[in-house]
N, C-alpha and C. Protein backbone atom coordinates (compact mmCIF):
# COMPACT_ATOMS: atom_id res chain seq x y z
N MET A 1 78.07 -167.09 35.80
CA MET A 1 77.83 -168.39 36.39
C MET A 1 76.40 -168.81 36.06
N THR A 2 76.21 -170.02 35.59
CA THR A 2 74.89 -170.53 35.27
C THR A 2 74.26 -171.12 36.51
N ALA A 3 72.98 -170.82 36.72
CA ALA A 3 72.29 -171.36 37.88
C ALA A 3 72.13 -172.87 37.72
N PRO A 4 72.50 -173.64 38.74
CA PRO A 4 72.35 -175.09 38.66
C PRO A 4 70.88 -175.48 38.70
N ALA A 5 70.58 -176.64 38.17
CA ALA A 5 69.21 -177.14 38.17
C ALA A 5 68.92 -177.75 39.53
N VAL A 6 68.37 -176.94 40.43
CA VAL A 6 68.04 -177.40 41.78
C VAL A 6 66.66 -176.88 42.15
N GLY A 7 66.33 -177.01 43.40
CA GLY A 7 65.02 -176.60 43.88
C GLY A 7 64.70 -175.14 43.59
N PRO A 8 63.41 -174.81 43.60
CA PRO A 8 62.97 -173.46 43.24
C PRO A 8 63.50 -172.36 44.16
N VAL A 9 63.66 -172.64 45.44
CA VAL A 9 64.15 -171.61 46.36
C VAL A 9 65.59 -171.24 46.04
N LEU A 10 66.45 -172.25 45.87
CA LEU A 10 67.85 -171.98 45.55
C LEU A 10 67.98 -171.32 44.18
N THR A 11 67.20 -171.76 43.22
CA THR A 11 67.22 -171.15 41.89
C THR A 11 66.80 -169.69 41.98
N ALA A 12 65.76 -169.40 42.76
CA ALA A 12 65.30 -168.01 42.92
C ALA A 12 66.39 -167.16 43.56
N LEU A 13 67.08 -167.70 44.55
CA LEU A 13 68.17 -166.96 45.19
C LEU A 13 69.29 -166.65 44.20
N LEU A 14 69.67 -167.66 43.43
CA LEU A 14 70.75 -167.47 42.46
C LEU A 14 70.36 -166.47 41.38
N ASN A 15 69.10 -166.46 40.99
CA ASN A 15 68.64 -165.52 39.97
C ASN A 15 68.48 -164.10 40.49
N ALA A 16 68.30 -163.95 41.81
CA ALA A 16 68.03 -162.64 42.38
C ALA A 16 69.29 -161.81 42.65
N PHE A 17 70.45 -162.43 42.68
CA PHE A 17 71.66 -161.72 43.05
C PHE A 17 72.66 -161.66 41.91
N ASP A 18 73.59 -160.71 42.03
CA ASP A 18 74.63 -160.58 41.01
C ASP A 18 75.67 -161.69 41.20
N ASP A 19 76.61 -161.77 40.25
CA ASP A 19 77.58 -162.86 40.24
C ASP A 19 78.41 -162.97 41.52
N SER A 20 78.74 -161.84 42.15
CA SER A 20 79.56 -161.90 43.36
C SER A 20 78.81 -162.60 44.50
N ARG A 21 77.53 -162.42 44.58
CA ARG A 21 76.75 -163.08 45.64
C ARG A 21 76.38 -164.51 45.26
N LYS A 22 76.27 -164.77 43.96
CA LYS A 22 75.95 -166.13 43.53
C LYS A 22 77.04 -167.10 43.99
N THR A 23 78.28 -166.66 43.98
CA THR A 23 79.39 -167.50 44.43
C THR A 23 79.21 -167.89 45.90
N VAL A 24 78.84 -166.93 46.74
CA VAL A 24 78.64 -167.20 48.17
C VAL A 24 77.46 -168.15 48.36
N ILE A 25 76.38 -167.92 47.62
CA ILE A 25 75.20 -168.79 47.73
C ILE A 25 75.56 -170.20 47.29
N THR A 26 76.28 -170.33 46.19
CA THR A 26 76.66 -171.66 45.69
C THR A 26 77.59 -172.36 46.69
N GLU A 27 78.58 -171.64 47.23
CA GLU A 27 79.48 -172.24 48.22
C GLU A 27 78.72 -172.68 49.47
N THR A 28 77.72 -171.90 49.88
CA THR A 28 76.89 -172.28 51.02
C THR A 28 76.08 -173.52 50.70
N ALA A 29 75.57 -173.59 49.48
CA ALA A 29 74.80 -174.77 49.05
C ALA A 29 75.69 -176.02 49.06
N TYR A 30 76.96 -175.88 48.64
CA TYR A 30 77.89 -177.01 48.71
C TYR A 30 78.12 -177.42 50.16
N ALA A 31 78.36 -176.44 51.03
CA ALA A 31 78.67 -176.71 52.44
C ALA A 31 77.50 -177.38 53.17
N THR A 32 76.28 -177.05 52.77
CA THR A 32 75.10 -177.61 53.45
C THR A 32 74.57 -178.87 52.77
N GLY A 33 75.17 -179.25 51.64
CA GLY A 33 74.74 -180.47 50.96
C GLY A 33 73.59 -180.28 49.98
N LEU A 34 73.18 -179.04 49.74
CA LEU A 34 72.12 -178.79 48.75
C LEU A 34 72.63 -179.01 47.33
N LEU A 35 73.93 -178.85 47.14
CA LEU A 35 74.59 -179.07 45.86
C LEU A 35 75.87 -179.86 46.09
N TRP A 36 76.34 -180.50 45.04
CA TRP A 36 77.66 -181.12 45.08
C TRP A 36 78.31 -181.01 43.71
N PRO A 37 79.63 -180.77 43.70
CA PRO A 37 80.34 -180.64 42.42
C PRO A 37 80.77 -182.00 41.89
N CYS A 38 80.80 -182.14 40.58
CA CYS A 38 81.31 -183.37 39.99
C CYS A 38 82.83 -183.38 40.14
N LEU A 39 83.37 -184.50 40.58
CA LEU A 39 84.81 -184.63 40.79
C LEU A 39 85.52 -185.31 39.62
N ASN A 40 84.76 -185.63 38.57
CA ASN A 40 85.36 -186.19 37.36
C ASN A 40 86.05 -185.05 36.63
N SER A 41 87.36 -185.11 36.48
CA SER A 41 88.12 -184.00 35.89
C SER A 41 87.73 -183.74 34.43
N ALA A 42 87.14 -184.71 33.76
CA ALA A 42 86.74 -184.53 32.36
C ALA A 42 85.33 -183.95 32.23
N CYS A 43 84.64 -183.74 33.35
CA CYS A 43 83.26 -183.26 33.32
C CYS A 43 83.22 -181.77 33.64
N SER A 44 82.35 -181.05 32.96
CA SER A 44 82.25 -179.61 33.20
C SER A 44 81.06 -179.25 34.10
N THR A 45 80.35 -180.25 34.63
CA THR A 45 79.21 -179.99 35.50
C THR A 45 79.72 -179.52 36.85
N GLN A 46 79.32 -178.30 37.21
CA GLN A 46 79.80 -177.73 38.47
C GLN A 46 78.87 -178.00 39.64
N SER A 47 77.58 -178.20 39.37
CA SER A 47 76.63 -178.35 40.46
C SER A 47 75.58 -179.39 40.15
N ASN A 48 75.43 -180.32 41.09
CA ASN A 48 74.39 -181.32 41.03
C ASN A 48 73.51 -181.17 42.27
N PRO A 49 72.22 -181.45 42.16
CA PRO A 49 71.35 -181.37 43.34
C PRO A 49 71.81 -182.33 44.42
N GLY A 50 71.66 -181.95 45.67
CA GLY A 50 72.11 -182.75 46.80
C GLY A 50 71.56 -184.15 46.83
N GLU A 51 70.32 -184.34 46.36
CA GLU A 51 69.71 -185.67 46.41
C GLU A 51 70.16 -186.58 45.26
N ALA A 52 70.81 -186.01 44.24
CA ALA A 52 71.25 -186.81 43.10
C ALA A 52 72.42 -187.70 43.50
N GLN A 53 72.36 -188.96 43.10
CA GLN A 53 73.43 -189.89 43.39
C GLN A 53 74.51 -189.88 42.32
N LEU A 54 74.11 -189.49 41.09
CA LEU A 54 75.03 -189.48 39.96
C LEU A 54 75.04 -188.10 39.32
N CYS A 55 76.17 -187.73 38.73
CA CYS A 55 76.31 -186.43 38.07
C CYS A 55 75.39 -186.37 36.85
N SER A 56 74.71 -185.25 36.69
CA SER A 56 73.81 -185.08 35.54
C SER A 56 74.58 -184.87 34.24
N GLY A 57 75.85 -184.56 34.33
CA GLY A 57 76.65 -184.35 33.12
C GLY A 57 77.30 -185.60 32.59
N CYS A 58 77.98 -186.35 33.45
CA CYS A 58 78.76 -187.50 32.98
C CYS A 58 78.26 -188.84 33.51
N GLY A 59 77.42 -188.81 34.54
CA GLY A 59 76.92 -190.06 35.11
C GLY A 59 77.83 -190.67 36.15
N TYR A 60 78.95 -190.02 36.47
CA TYR A 60 79.85 -190.54 37.50
C TYR A 60 79.23 -190.31 38.87
N ASP A 61 79.73 -191.03 39.89
CA ASP A 61 79.18 -190.86 41.23
C ASP A 61 79.81 -189.66 41.93
N ARG A 62 79.42 -189.44 43.17
CA ARG A 62 79.88 -188.27 43.93
C ARG A 62 81.39 -188.24 44.16
N THR A 63 82.04 -189.38 44.06
CA THR A 63 83.49 -189.42 44.28
C THR A 63 84.27 -189.23 42.98
N GLY A 64 83.55 -189.03 41.87
CA GLY A 64 84.21 -188.84 40.58
C GLY A 64 84.59 -190.14 39.90
N LYS A 65 83.94 -191.22 40.31
CA LYS A 65 84.22 -192.53 39.72
C LYS A 65 83.08 -192.94 38.80
N PRO A 66 83.38 -193.75 37.78
CA PRO A 66 82.33 -194.22 36.87
C PRO A 66 81.24 -194.99 37.62
N ILE A 67 80.08 -195.02 37.02
CA ILE A 67 78.95 -195.75 37.59
C ILE A 67 79.38 -197.19 37.86
N SER A 68 78.90 -197.75 38.96
CA SER A 68 79.31 -199.09 39.35
C SER A 68 78.10 -199.89 39.80
N ASP A 69 78.33 -201.17 40.04
CA ASP A 69 77.28 -202.03 40.55
C ASP A 69 76.89 -201.58 41.95
N VAL A 70 75.60 -201.71 42.26
CA VAL A 70 75.11 -201.47 43.62
C VAL A 70 74.42 -202.75 44.05
N GLU A 71 74.93 -203.32 45.13
CA GLU A 71 74.44 -204.60 45.62
C GLU A 71 73.51 -204.38 46.81
N PRO A 72 72.24 -204.81 46.68
CA PRO A 72 71.31 -204.64 47.79
C PRO A 72 71.37 -205.83 48.75
N GLY A 73 70.69 -205.71 49.85
CA GLY A 73 70.48 -206.86 50.73
C GLY A 73 71.49 -207.03 51.83
N LEU A 74 71.25 -208.06 52.59
CA LEU A 74 72.05 -208.35 53.77
C LEU A 74 73.28 -209.19 53.48
N TYR A 75 73.22 -209.98 52.40
CA TYR A 75 74.27 -210.95 52.13
C TYR A 75 74.86 -210.72 50.74
N PRO A 76 76.12 -211.07 50.54
CA PRO A 76 76.75 -210.85 49.23
C PRO A 76 76.11 -211.73 48.15
N ILE A 77 76.04 -211.18 46.96
CA ILE A 77 75.52 -211.90 45.81
C ILE A 77 76.68 -212.66 45.17
N PRO A 78 76.52 -213.96 44.92
CA PRO A 78 77.60 -214.71 44.29
C PRO A 78 77.98 -214.10 42.93
N PRO A 79 79.27 -213.99 42.64
CA PRO A 79 79.73 -213.38 41.39
C PRO A 79 79.12 -214.01 40.14
N GLU A 80 78.89 -215.33 40.19
CA GLU A 80 78.33 -215.98 39.00
C GLU A 80 76.90 -215.50 38.70
N LEU A 81 76.13 -215.11 39.74
CA LEU A 81 74.79 -214.56 39.51
C LEU A 81 74.87 -213.16 38.91
N TRP A 82 75.85 -212.36 39.38
CA TRP A 82 76.06 -211.02 38.78
C TRP A 82 76.35 -211.17 37.29
N GLU A 83 77.28 -212.06 36.97
CA GLU A 83 77.69 -212.23 35.57
C GLU A 83 76.57 -212.82 34.72
N GLU A 84 75.77 -213.70 35.31
CA GLU A 84 74.63 -214.27 34.58
C GLU A 84 73.61 -213.16 34.26
N LEU A 85 73.31 -212.31 35.25
CA LEU A 85 72.38 -211.21 35.01
C LEU A 85 72.94 -210.24 33.97
N ARG A 86 74.21 -209.92 34.08
CA ARG A 86 74.86 -209.01 33.11
C ARG A 86 74.75 -209.59 31.70
N HIS A 87 75.01 -210.88 31.55
CA HIS A 87 74.93 -211.55 30.25
C HIS A 87 73.50 -211.49 29.69
N HIS A 88 72.50 -211.81 30.52
CA HIS A 88 71.12 -211.80 30.05
C HIS A 88 70.67 -210.40 29.64
N LEU A 89 71.09 -209.39 30.39
CA LEU A 89 70.72 -208.01 30.04
C LEU A 89 71.39 -207.57 28.75
N ARG A 90 72.66 -207.88 28.60
CA ARG A 90 73.36 -207.52 27.35
C ARG A 90 72.70 -208.19 26.15
N THR A 91 72.31 -209.45 26.31
CA THR A 91 71.64 -210.17 25.23
C THR A 91 70.29 -209.52 24.91
N TRP A 92 69.54 -209.16 25.95
CA TRP A 92 68.23 -208.53 25.76
C TRP A 92 68.37 -207.20 25.01
N PHE A 93 69.34 -206.37 25.42
CA PHE A 93 69.53 -205.07 24.77
C PHE A 93 70.07 -205.23 23.35
N ALA A 94 70.84 -206.27 23.09
CA ALA A 94 71.36 -206.49 21.74
C ALA A 94 70.24 -206.75 20.74
N GLN A 95 69.09 -207.22 21.22
CA GLN A 95 67.95 -207.51 20.36
C GLN A 95 66.96 -206.36 20.29
N ARG A 96 67.28 -205.23 20.89
CA ARG A 96 66.37 -204.08 20.97
C ARG A 96 66.89 -202.94 20.11
N PRO A 97 65.98 -202.04 19.70
CA PRO A 97 66.42 -200.90 18.90
C PRO A 97 67.16 -199.83 19.72
N GLU A 98 66.84 -199.70 21.02
CA GLU A 98 67.50 -198.68 21.83
C GLU A 98 68.94 -199.12 22.14
N PRO A 99 69.81 -198.15 22.36
CA PRO A 99 71.21 -198.50 22.66
C PRO A 99 71.32 -199.18 24.02
N THR A 100 72.36 -199.95 24.19
CA THR A 100 72.63 -200.59 25.47
C THR A 100 73.06 -199.51 26.46
N PRO A 101 72.41 -199.43 27.61
CA PRO A 101 72.80 -198.42 28.60
C PRO A 101 74.10 -198.79 29.30
N ASP A 102 74.63 -197.82 30.04
CA ASP A 102 75.83 -198.07 30.85
C ASP A 102 75.51 -198.98 32.03
N ALA A 103 74.28 -198.85 32.55
CA ALA A 103 73.85 -199.64 33.70
C ALA A 103 72.32 -199.69 33.72
N VAL A 104 71.80 -200.64 34.49
CA VAL A 104 70.36 -200.78 34.68
C VAL A 104 70.11 -200.93 36.17
N THR A 105 69.05 -200.25 36.67
CA THR A 105 68.69 -200.33 38.08
C THR A 105 67.31 -200.97 38.22
N PHE A 106 67.25 -201.98 39.09
CA PHE A 106 66.00 -202.64 39.46
C PHE A 106 65.71 -202.31 40.92
N THR A 107 64.44 -202.12 41.27
CA THR A 107 64.06 -201.84 42.65
C THR A 107 63.32 -203.06 43.21
N TYR A 108 63.68 -203.43 44.44
CA TYR A 108 63.09 -204.60 45.10
C TYR A 108 61.73 -204.25 45.69
N ARG A 109 60.76 -205.18 45.55
CA ARG A 109 59.41 -204.99 46.10
C ARG A 109 59.18 -205.84 47.33
N SER A 110 59.06 -207.15 47.12
CA SER A 110 58.74 -208.06 48.23
C SER A 110 59.13 -209.48 47.85
N GLN A 111 58.98 -210.41 48.80
CA GLN A 111 59.33 -211.80 48.53
C GLN A 111 58.43 -212.43 47.46
N ASN A 112 57.15 -212.10 47.46
CA ASN A 112 56.21 -212.71 46.52
C ASN A 112 56.48 -212.29 45.08
N THR A 113 56.68 -211.03 44.86
CA THR A 113 57.03 -210.50 43.53
C THR A 113 58.24 -209.60 43.72
N PRO A 114 59.43 -210.20 43.69
CA PRO A 114 60.62 -209.51 44.17
C PRO A 114 60.97 -208.16 43.53
N TRP A 115 60.91 -208.04 42.23
CA TRP A 115 61.47 -206.85 41.59
C TRP A 115 60.43 -206.16 40.71
N PHE A 116 60.55 -204.84 40.61
CA PHE A 116 59.77 -204.10 39.62
C PHE A 116 60.39 -204.43 38.27
N LEU A 117 59.69 -205.18 37.44
CA LEU A 117 60.24 -205.65 36.18
C LEU A 117 59.69 -204.92 34.96
N HIS A 118 58.73 -204.05 35.18
CA HIS A 118 58.13 -203.32 34.05
C HIS A 118 58.66 -201.90 33.95
N GLU A 119 59.15 -201.36 35.03
CA GLU A 119 59.74 -200.03 35.03
C GLU A 119 61.12 -200.10 35.67
N VAL A 120 62.13 -200.12 34.83
CA VAL A 120 63.51 -200.16 35.31
C VAL A 120 64.21 -198.90 34.83
N THR A 121 65.24 -198.52 35.53
CA THR A 121 65.99 -197.32 35.17
C THR A 121 67.21 -197.70 34.36
N ALA A 122 67.33 -197.09 33.19
CA ALA A 122 68.51 -197.28 32.34
C ALA A 122 69.38 -196.04 32.47
N HIS A 123 70.67 -196.23 32.66
CA HIS A 123 71.63 -195.13 32.83
C HIS A 123 72.44 -194.97 31.55
N TYR A 124 72.35 -193.78 30.97
CA TYR A 124 73.12 -193.44 29.77
C TYR A 124 73.98 -192.23 30.11
N GLY A 125 75.22 -192.44 30.53
CA GLY A 125 76.06 -191.31 30.94
C GLY A 125 75.40 -190.57 32.08
N GLY A 126 75.18 -189.28 31.92
CA GLY A 126 74.54 -188.48 32.95
C GLY A 126 73.04 -188.45 32.86
N ARG A 127 72.46 -189.20 31.97
CA ARG A 127 71.01 -189.20 31.76
C ARG A 127 70.44 -190.55 32.17
N THR A 128 69.28 -190.52 32.81
CA THR A 128 68.58 -191.77 33.11
C THR A 128 67.26 -191.76 32.36
N GLU A 129 66.79 -192.95 32.10
CA GLU A 129 65.54 -193.12 31.37
C GLU A 129 64.80 -194.30 31.97
N THR A 130 63.50 -194.14 32.18
CA THR A 130 62.71 -195.26 32.66
C THR A 130 62.30 -196.10 31.47
N LEU A 131 62.68 -197.36 31.50
CA LEU A 131 62.32 -198.27 30.42
C LEU A 131 61.00 -198.94 30.74
N ASP A 132 60.12 -198.94 29.80
CA ASP A 132 58.87 -199.67 29.92
C ASP A 132 59.12 -201.06 29.34
N ALA A 133 59.75 -201.89 30.15
CA ALA A 133 60.17 -203.22 29.70
C ALA A 133 59.28 -204.28 30.35
N ASP A 134 59.30 -205.45 29.81
CA ASP A 134 58.58 -206.58 30.40
C ASP A 134 59.56 -207.74 30.56
N PHE A 135 60.13 -207.82 31.75
CA PHE A 135 61.09 -208.88 32.04
C PHE A 135 60.44 -210.07 32.73
N ASP A 136 59.11 -210.04 32.92
CA ASP A 136 58.41 -211.17 33.54
C ASP A 136 58.68 -212.46 32.78
N ASN A 137 58.90 -213.53 33.52
CA ASN A 137 59.07 -214.87 32.95
C ASN A 137 60.20 -214.95 31.93
N THR A 138 61.26 -214.21 32.17
CA THR A 138 62.44 -214.27 31.31
C THR A 138 63.61 -214.79 32.14
N GLU A 139 64.73 -215.02 31.48
CA GLU A 139 65.94 -215.42 32.21
C GLU A 139 66.39 -214.31 33.16
N ILE A 140 66.10 -213.07 32.81
CA ILE A 140 66.43 -211.94 33.68
C ILE A 140 65.62 -212.05 34.96
N ASP A 141 64.33 -212.31 34.85
CA ASP A 141 63.45 -212.49 36.00
C ASP A 141 63.95 -213.62 36.89
N GLU A 142 64.28 -214.75 36.30
CA GLU A 142 64.77 -215.91 37.06
C GLU A 142 66.07 -215.59 37.81
N THR A 143 66.97 -214.89 37.14
CA THR A 143 68.25 -214.55 37.77
C THR A 143 68.05 -213.55 38.91
N LEU A 144 67.18 -212.57 38.69
CA LEU A 144 66.88 -211.60 39.75
C LEU A 144 66.24 -212.29 40.96
N THR A 145 65.39 -213.27 40.71
CA THR A 145 64.78 -214.03 41.81
C THR A 145 65.85 -214.79 42.59
N ALA A 146 66.78 -215.40 41.89
CA ALA A 146 67.89 -216.11 42.55
C ALA A 146 68.74 -215.13 43.36
N ILE A 147 68.95 -213.94 42.82
CA ILE A 147 69.72 -212.91 43.54
C ILE A 147 68.99 -212.51 44.81
N ALA A 148 67.68 -212.32 44.72
CA ALA A 148 66.89 -211.93 45.90
C ALA A 148 66.95 -213.03 46.97
N ASP A 149 66.92 -214.28 46.54
CA ASP A 149 67.02 -215.40 47.49
C ASP A 149 68.36 -215.39 48.22
N GLU A 150 69.42 -215.03 47.50
CA GLU A 150 70.76 -215.00 48.09
C GLU A 150 70.98 -213.77 48.98
N ALA A 151 70.56 -212.61 48.50
CA ALA A 151 70.91 -211.34 49.17
C ALA A 151 69.91 -210.89 50.22
N GLU A 152 68.67 -211.35 50.11
CA GLU A 152 67.59 -210.94 51.01
C GLU A 152 67.49 -209.41 51.13
N PRO A 153 67.23 -208.72 50.01
CA PRO A 153 67.11 -207.26 50.08
C PRO A 153 65.84 -206.82 50.80
N ASN A 154 65.82 -205.57 51.20
CA ASN A 154 64.66 -204.96 51.85
C ASN A 154 63.85 -204.18 50.82
N TYR A 155 62.59 -203.94 51.14
CA TYR A 155 61.70 -203.19 50.25
C TYR A 155 62.33 -201.86 49.85
N GLY A 156 62.29 -201.57 48.55
CA GLY A 156 62.78 -200.29 48.05
C GLY A 156 64.27 -200.24 47.77
N GLU A 157 65.01 -201.29 48.10
CA GLU A 157 66.45 -201.29 47.81
C GLU A 157 66.67 -201.47 46.32
N ASP A 158 67.72 -200.84 45.83
CA ASP A 158 68.06 -200.92 44.42
C ASP A 158 69.20 -201.88 44.16
N LEU A 159 69.11 -202.54 43.01
CA LEU A 159 70.21 -203.32 42.46
C LEU A 159 70.57 -202.62 41.16
N ARG A 160 71.80 -202.13 41.08
CA ARG A 160 72.27 -201.51 39.85
C ARG A 160 73.38 -202.37 39.29
N ILE A 161 73.27 -202.69 38.01
CA ILE A 161 74.28 -203.53 37.37
C ILE A 161 74.80 -202.81 36.13
N THR A 162 76.11 -202.71 36.07
CA THR A 162 76.74 -202.07 34.91
C THR A 162 76.80 -203.07 33.76
N LEU A 163 76.67 -202.53 32.59
CA LEU A 163 76.70 -203.39 31.42
C LEU A 163 77.94 -203.10 30.59
């Protein structure tokens, strides 16, 4: 059994014992939420850290479903704003050398400067990458501002949009 990529204490425990005890430690880690197994039947990742929202192997969520949109805020975002943002992001990535990610995550800051537009998270399967992008004064920025006006998100909330 390969030790999962988790905190140093759990890793030390798994490395210190033979395979028969590693199973008990791993099962205990699952039961206490320190680890979770990927439920995507096509994925071979057996253990993800408890704080991870997506599988490190395939990028699916904890329920074994593909990555999906995450809507922040108190109020629903009109579908036409979602589609407008999706269109602008696809267009932006089509003009870039890097591949189009499966999804992009923006984090909300405040009413004055709503979103972190220079550091966004791009999701590529089970891997994430921080993009050093500049979406200031773009159609993406305008659409995100309209979304913030509609949804009224709180500080630190994420908006994830699948592409």
